[in-house]
């Protein structure tokens, strides 16, 4: 089964929408999901969805968060334990087959052409 790492701290109201999306993906797409982020916050949000208890969703802790106030270039270089870095390492090391992050209003996702 395919496993996807999700940057659970990448949106304005994280990890609410990331957890909801992970639950939908695990239910509908038959994938394993690893939510990467501040473990306490992610688990607290998961508890709000008791029906997700049996789904193939894991939580992987990332101790740093890149915020909207951070300079993107500096944060990516300096916050090596951010959720996006941890998710990328999972992909690099072969623990997952894909990685995703939420789109932000400043940089919306667009499908490839």
N, C-alpha and C. Protein backbone atom coordinates (compact mmCIF):
# COMPACT_ATOMS: atom_id res chain seq x y z
N UNK A 1 0.85 -1.18 0.00
CA UNK A 1 0.00 0.00 0.00
C UNK A 1 0.89 1.25 0.00
N UNK A 2 0.47 2.25 -0.71
CA UNK A 2 1.21 3.50 -0.80
C UNK A 2 1.11 4.28 0.51
N UNK A 3 2.23 4.88 0.91
CA UNK A 3 2.26 5.72 2.11
C UNK A 3 2.66 7.13 1.70
N UNK A 4 1.92 8.10 2.22
CA UNK A 4 2.15 9.50 1.90
C UNK A 4 2.43 10.28 3.18
N UNK A 5 3.47 11.11 3.16
CA UNK A 5 3.77 12.01 4.28
C UNK A 5 3.08 13.34 4.01
N UNK A 6 2.37 13.84 5.00
CA UNK A 6 1.66 15.11 4.87
C UNK A 6 2.25 16.11 5.86
N UNK A 7 2.64 17.27 5.36
CA UNK A 7 3.09 18.36 6.21
C UNK A 7 1.85 18.89 6.94
N UNK A 8 1.70 18.50 8.19
CA UNK A 8 0.49 18.83 8.95
C UNK A 8 0.52 20.23 9.54
N UNK A 9 1.62 20.97 9.37
CA UNK A 9 1.72 22.29 9.97
C UNK A 9 1.82 23.39 8.91
N UNK A 10 1.43 23.09 7.69
CA UNK A 10 1.70 24.00 6.59
C UNK A 10 0.62 24.99 6.22
N UNK A 11 -0.48 25.03 6.96
CA UNK A 11 -1.54 25.97 6.58
C UNK A 11 -1.82 26.95 7.71
N UNK A 12 -2.66 27.92 7.41
CA UNK A 12 -2.97 28.95 8.40
C UNK A 12 -3.65 28.40 9.66
N UNK A 13 -4.47 27.38 9.50
CA UNK A 13 -5.21 26.83 10.64
C UNK A 13 -4.78 25.39 10.94
N UNK A 14 -3.52 25.12 10.71
CA UNK A 14 -2.98 23.77 10.91
C UNK A 14 -3.17 23.34 12.37
N UNK A 15 -3.39 22.07 12.58
CA UNK A 15 -3.45 20.97 11.62
C UNK A 15 -4.87 20.53 11.25
N UNK A 16 -5.86 21.39 11.44
CA UNK A 16 -7.26 21.02 11.20
C UNK A 16 -7.50 20.46 9.80
N UNK A 17 -7.23 21.23 8.78
CA UNK A 17 -7.54 20.76 7.42
C UNK A 17 -6.65 19.61 6.99
N UNK A 18 -5.41 19.60 7.47
CA UNK A 18 -4.50 18.50 7.12
C UNK A 18 -4.99 17.18 7.70
N UNK A 19 -5.47 17.21 8.94
CA UNK A 19 -6.00 15.99 9.56
C UNK A 19 -7.26 15.54 8.83
N UNK A 20 -8.15 16.49 8.52
CA UNK A 20 -9.38 16.13 7.80
C UNK A 20 -9.05 15.53 6.43
N UNK A 21 -8.08 16.10 5.74
CA UNK A 21 -7.68 15.55 4.44
C UNK A 21 -7.04 14.18 4.55
N UNK A 22 -6.25 13.97 5.60
CA UNK A 22 -5.61 12.67 5.81
C UNK A 22 -6.67 11.59 6.07
N UNK A 23 -7.69 11.95 6.83
CA UNK A 23 -8.76 11.01 7.11
C UNK A 23 -9.49 10.64 5.82
N UNK A 24 -9.81 11.64 5.00
CA UNK A 24 -10.47 11.36 3.73
C UNK A 24 -9.59 10.51 2.82
N UNK A 25 -8.31 10.82 2.75
CA UNK A 25 -7.41 10.05 1.89
C UNK A 25 -7.32 8.60 2.35
N UNK A 26 -7.17 8.40 3.64
CA UNK A 26 -7.07 7.03 4.17
C UNK A 26 -8.36 6.25 3.90
N UNK A 27 -9.49 6.92 4.01
CA UNK A 27 -10.77 6.25 3.78
C UNK A 27 -11.04 5.97 2.31
N UNK A 28 -10.82 6.96 1.48
CA UNK A 28 -11.26 6.87 0.09
C UNK A 28 -10.22 6.37 -0.90
N UNK A 29 -8.94 6.59 -0.59
CA UNK A 29 -7.90 6.28 -1.57
C UNK A 29 -7.07 5.05 -1.23
N UNK A 30 -7.37 4.42 -0.11
CA UNK A 30 -6.64 3.22 0.29
C UNK A 30 -5.14 3.48 0.38
N UNK A 31 -4.77 4.53 1.12
CA UNK A 31 -3.36 4.87 1.35
C UNK A 31 -3.09 4.97 2.85
N UNK A 32 -1.84 4.74 3.21
CA UNK A 32 -1.38 5.03 4.56
C UNK A 32 -0.95 6.48 4.58
N UNK A 33 -1.19 7.17 5.69
CA UNK A 33 -0.82 8.58 5.80
C UNK A 33 0.02 8.77 7.06
N UNK A 34 1.13 9.50 6.91
CA UNK A 34 1.92 9.93 8.05
C UNK A 34 1.77 11.44 8.14
N UNK A 35 1.13 11.90 9.21
CA UNK A 35 0.99 13.33 9.46
C UNK A 35 2.24 13.80 10.18
N UNK A 36 2.94 14.75 9.61
CA UNK A 36 4.20 15.23 10.16
C UNK A 36 3.98 16.63 10.73
N UNK A 37 4.24 16.78 12.03
CA UNK A 37 4.06 18.08 12.65
C UNK A 37 4.27 18.01 14.15
N UNK A 38 3.85 19.05 14.83
CA UNK A 38 3.94 19.09 16.29
C UNK A 38 2.99 18.02 16.82
N UNK A 39 3.57 16.97 17.37
CA UNK A 39 2.80 15.77 17.71
C UNK A 39 1.59 16.05 18.59
N UNK A 40 1.76 16.85 19.61
CA UNK A 40 0.65 17.14 20.53
C UNK A 40 -0.52 17.80 19.79
N UNK A 41 -0.24 18.75 18.94
CA UNK A 41 -1.30 19.45 18.19
C UNK A 41 -2.00 18.51 17.22
N UNK A 42 -1.23 17.68 16.53
CA UNK A 42 -1.81 16.76 15.55
C UNK A 42 -2.67 15.72 16.24
N UNK A 43 -2.17 15.15 17.33
CA UNK A 43 -2.96 14.14 18.06
C UNK A 43 -4.23 14.74 18.66
N UNK A 44 -4.14 15.97 19.14
CA UNK A 44 -5.32 16.64 19.69
C UNK A 44 -6.39 16.79 18.60
N UNK A 45 -5.99 17.16 17.41
CA UNK A 45 -6.95 17.29 16.30
C UNK A 45 -7.50 15.93 15.89
N UNK A 46 -6.66 14.92 15.85
CA UNK A 46 -7.13 13.57 15.50
C UNK A 46 -8.19 13.07 16.48
N UNK A 47 -8.04 13.41 17.76
CA UNK A 47 -9.01 12.96 18.77
C UNK A 47 -10.40 13.54 18.52
N UNK A 48 -10.48 14.63 17.79
CA UNK A 48 -11.78 15.22 17.47
C UNK A 48 -12.53 14.40 16.40
N UNK A 49 -11.85 13.39 15.85
CA UNK A 49 -12.42 12.54 14.80
C UNK A 49 -12.35 11.08 15.24
N UNK A 50 -13.19 10.67 16.19
CA UNK A 50 -13.09 9.29 16.72
C UNK A 50 -13.26 8.21 15.65
N UNK A 51 -13.96 8.51 14.57
CA UNK A 51 -14.15 7.50 13.51
C UNK A 51 -12.85 7.19 12.77
N UNK A 52 -11.83 8.00 12.97
CA UNK A 52 -10.55 7.79 12.30
C UNK A 52 -9.65 6.80 13.05
N UNK A 53 -10.09 6.35 14.20
CA UNK A 53 -9.24 5.51 15.06
C UNK A 53 -8.70 4.28 14.36
N UNK A 54 -9.44 3.65 13.50
CA UNK A 54 -8.96 2.43 12.85
C UNK A 54 -8.28 2.64 11.52
N UNK A 55 -8.13 3.88 11.11
CA UNK A 55 -7.54 4.16 9.80
C UNK A 55 -6.01 4.12 9.86
N UNK A 56 -5.37 3.86 8.73
CA UNK A 56 -3.90 3.78 8.69
C UNK A 56 -3.25 5.17 8.67
N UNK A 57 -3.36 5.86 9.82
CA UNK A 57 -2.79 7.20 9.97
C UNK A 57 -1.82 7.19 11.13
N UNK A 58 -0.60 7.64 10.88
CA UNK A 58 0.42 7.77 11.91
C UNK A 58 0.74 9.24 12.12
N UNK A 59 1.40 9.53 13.24
CA UNK A 59 1.88 10.89 13.50
C UNK A 59 3.38 10.82 13.71
N UNK A 60 4.11 11.68 13.02
CA UNK A 60 5.56 11.78 13.18
C UNK A 60 5.87 13.19 13.68
N UNK A 61 6.60 13.28 14.78
CA UNK A 61 6.87 14.57 15.40
C UNK A 61 7.91 15.38 14.63
N UNK A 62 7.61 16.66 14.48
CA UNK A 62 8.57 17.64 13.96
C UNK A 62 8.56 18.80 14.96
N UNK A 63 9.71 19.11 15.51
CA UNK A 63 9.77 20.08 16.61
C UNK A 63 9.75 21.54 16.16
N UNK A 64 9.89 21.79 14.86
CA UNK A 64 9.92 23.17 14.38
C UNK A 64 8.81 23.41 13.35
N UNK A 65 8.34 24.65 13.32
CA UNK A 65 7.29 25.04 12.39
C UNK A 65 7.77 26.27 11.62
N UNK A 66 7.60 26.25 10.33
CA UNK A 66 7.89 27.43 9.51
C UNK A 66 6.61 28.25 9.46
N UNK A 67 6.68 29.47 9.97
CA UNK A 67 5.49 30.32 10.06
C UNK A 67 5.45 31.32 8.91
N UNK A 68 4.34 32.00 8.77
CA UNK A 68 4.19 33.03 7.75
C UNK A 68 5.11 34.22 8.03
N UNK A 69 5.51 34.39 9.29
CA UNK A 69 6.40 35.49 9.64
C UNK A 69 7.86 35.19 9.30
N UNK A 70 8.18 33.92 9.11
CA UNK A 70 9.56 33.54 8.78
C UNK A 70 9.89 33.91 7.33
N UNK A 71 11.12 34.28 7.12
CA UNK A 71 11.62 34.41 5.75
C UNK A 71 11.70 32.99 5.19
N UNK A 72 11.03 32.74 4.09
CA UNK A 72 10.97 31.38 3.55
C UNK A 72 12.35 30.80 3.30
N UNK A 73 13.22 31.55 2.65
CA UNK A 73 14.55 31.04 2.32
C UNK A 73 15.35 30.74 3.58
N UNK A 74 15.32 31.64 4.56
CA UNK A 74 16.07 31.42 5.80
C UNK A 74 15.49 30.27 6.60
N UNK A 75 14.19 30.19 6.67
CA UNK A 75 13.55 29.14 7.47
C UNK A 75 13.83 27.76 6.90
N UNK A 76 13.78 27.63 5.58
CA UNK A 76 14.04 26.33 4.97
C UNK A 76 15.48 25.89 5.25
N UNK A 77 16.40 26.84 5.27
CA UNK A 77 17.80 26.49 5.54
C UNK A 77 18.07 26.26 7.03
N UNK A 78 17.38 26.98 7.90
CA UNK A 78 17.73 26.92 9.33
C UNK A 78 16.86 25.98 10.16
N UNK A 79 15.62 25.77 9.78
CA UNK A 79 14.72 24.92 10.58
C UNK A 79 14.73 23.50 10.03
N UNK A 80 15.79 22.78 10.34
CA UNK A 80 16.00 21.44 9.79
C UNK A 80 15.07 20.39 10.37
N UNK A 81 14.39 20.71 11.48
CA UNK A 81 13.44 19.77 12.04
C UNK A 81 12.01 20.27 11.88
N UNK A 82 11.79 21.07 10.82
CA UNK A 82 10.43 21.53 10.51
C UNK A 82 9.66 20.39 9.86
N UNK A 83 8.35 20.53 9.84
CA UNK A 83 7.51 19.47 9.31
C UNK A 83 7.80 19.17 7.84
N UNK A 84 8.11 20.19 7.05
CA UNK A 84 8.40 19.95 5.64
C UNK A 84 9.74 19.23 5.46
N UNK A 85 10.71 19.53 6.32
CA UNK A 85 11.99 18.82 6.25
C UNK A 85 11.84 17.36 6.68
N UNK A 86 11.13 17.13 7.77
CA UNK A 86 10.94 15.76 8.25
C UNK A 86 10.20 14.93 7.19
N UNK A 87 9.15 15.51 6.60
CA UNK A 87 8.41 14.81 5.55
C UNK A 87 9.29 14.52 4.33
N UNK A 88 10.14 15.48 3.99
CA UNK A 88 11.05 15.28 2.85
C UNK A 88 12.06 14.19 3.14
N UNK A 89 12.56 14.12 4.37
CA UNK A 89 13.50 13.04 4.73
C UNK A 89 12.83 11.68 4.66
N UNK A 90 11.56 11.61 5.07
CA UNK A 90 10.84 10.33 4.96
C UNK A 90 10.79 9.87 3.50
N UNK A 91 10.57 10.81 2.60
CA UNK A 91 10.55 10.49 1.17
C UNK A 91 11.94 10.09 0.68
N UNK A 92 12.93 10.89 1.02
CA UNK A 92 14.31 10.62 0.58
C UNK A 92 14.78 9.24 1.04
N UNK A 93 14.43 8.89 2.28
CA UNK A 93 14.90 7.63 2.86
C UNK A 93 14.04 6.43 2.50
N UNK A 94 13.02 6.64 1.67
CA UNK A 94 12.21 5.53 1.18
C UNK A 94 11.13 5.04 2.12
N UNK A 95 10.82 5.80 3.17
CA UNK A 95 9.78 5.39 4.11
C UNK A 95 8.38 5.69 3.58
N UNK A 96 8.28 6.63 2.64
CA UNK A 96 7.01 6.98 2.01
C UNK A 96 7.23 7.07 0.51
N UNK A 97 6.13 6.98 -0.23
CA UNK A 97 6.23 7.07 -1.68
C UNK A 97 5.82 8.45 -2.20
N UNK A 98 5.32 9.29 -1.31
CA UNK A 98 4.92 10.64 -1.72
C UNK A 98 4.89 11.57 -0.53
N UNK A 99 4.95 12.87 -0.84
CA UNK A 99 4.92 13.90 0.19
C UNK A 99 4.04 15.02 -0.31
N UNK A 100 3.23 15.61 0.57
CA UNK A 100 2.43 16.75 0.15
C UNK A 100 2.37 17.78 1.26
N UNK A 101 2.06 18.99 0.85
CA UNK A 101 1.88 20.08 1.78
C UNK A 101 0.68 20.87 1.32
N UNK A 102 0.03 21.55 2.24
CA UNK A 102 -1.14 22.34 1.83
C UNK A 102 -0.71 23.54 1.00
N UNK A 103 -1.56 23.96 0.11
CA UNK A 103 -1.33 25.20 -0.63
C UNK A 103 -1.71 26.36 0.28
N UNK A 104 -1.06 27.46 0.12
CA UNK A 104 -1.39 28.66 0.89
C UNK A 104 -1.97 29.69 -0.04
N UNK A 105 -2.73 30.64 0.50
CA UNK A 105 -3.30 31.67 -0.38
C UNK A 105 -2.23 32.42 -1.18
N UNK A 106 -1.05 32.59 -0.61
CA UNK A 106 0.01 33.30 -1.32
C UNK A 106 0.58 32.45 -2.45
N UNK A 107 0.46 31.14 -2.35
CA UNK A 107 1.01 30.25 -3.36
C UNK A 107 0.04 29.08 -3.59
N UNK A 108 -1.09 29.34 -4.23
CA UNK A 108 -2.09 28.28 -4.41
C UNK A 108 -1.58 27.15 -5.30
N UNK A 109 -2.10 25.97 -5.06
CA UNK A 109 -1.76 24.81 -5.86
C UNK A 109 -2.48 24.91 -7.20
N UNK A 110 -1.78 24.57 -8.23
CA UNK A 110 -2.38 24.51 -9.56
C UNK A 110 -2.00 23.16 -10.18
N UNK A 111 -2.95 22.52 -10.84
CA UNK A 111 -2.63 21.24 -11.45
C UNK A 111 -1.61 21.42 -12.57
N UNK A 112 -0.77 20.41 -12.81
CA UNK A 112 0.19 20.49 -13.91
C UNK A 112 -0.54 20.51 -15.25
N UNK A 113 0.07 21.13 -16.22
CA UNK A 113 -0.55 21.21 -17.55
C UNK A 113 -0.02 20.13 -18.44
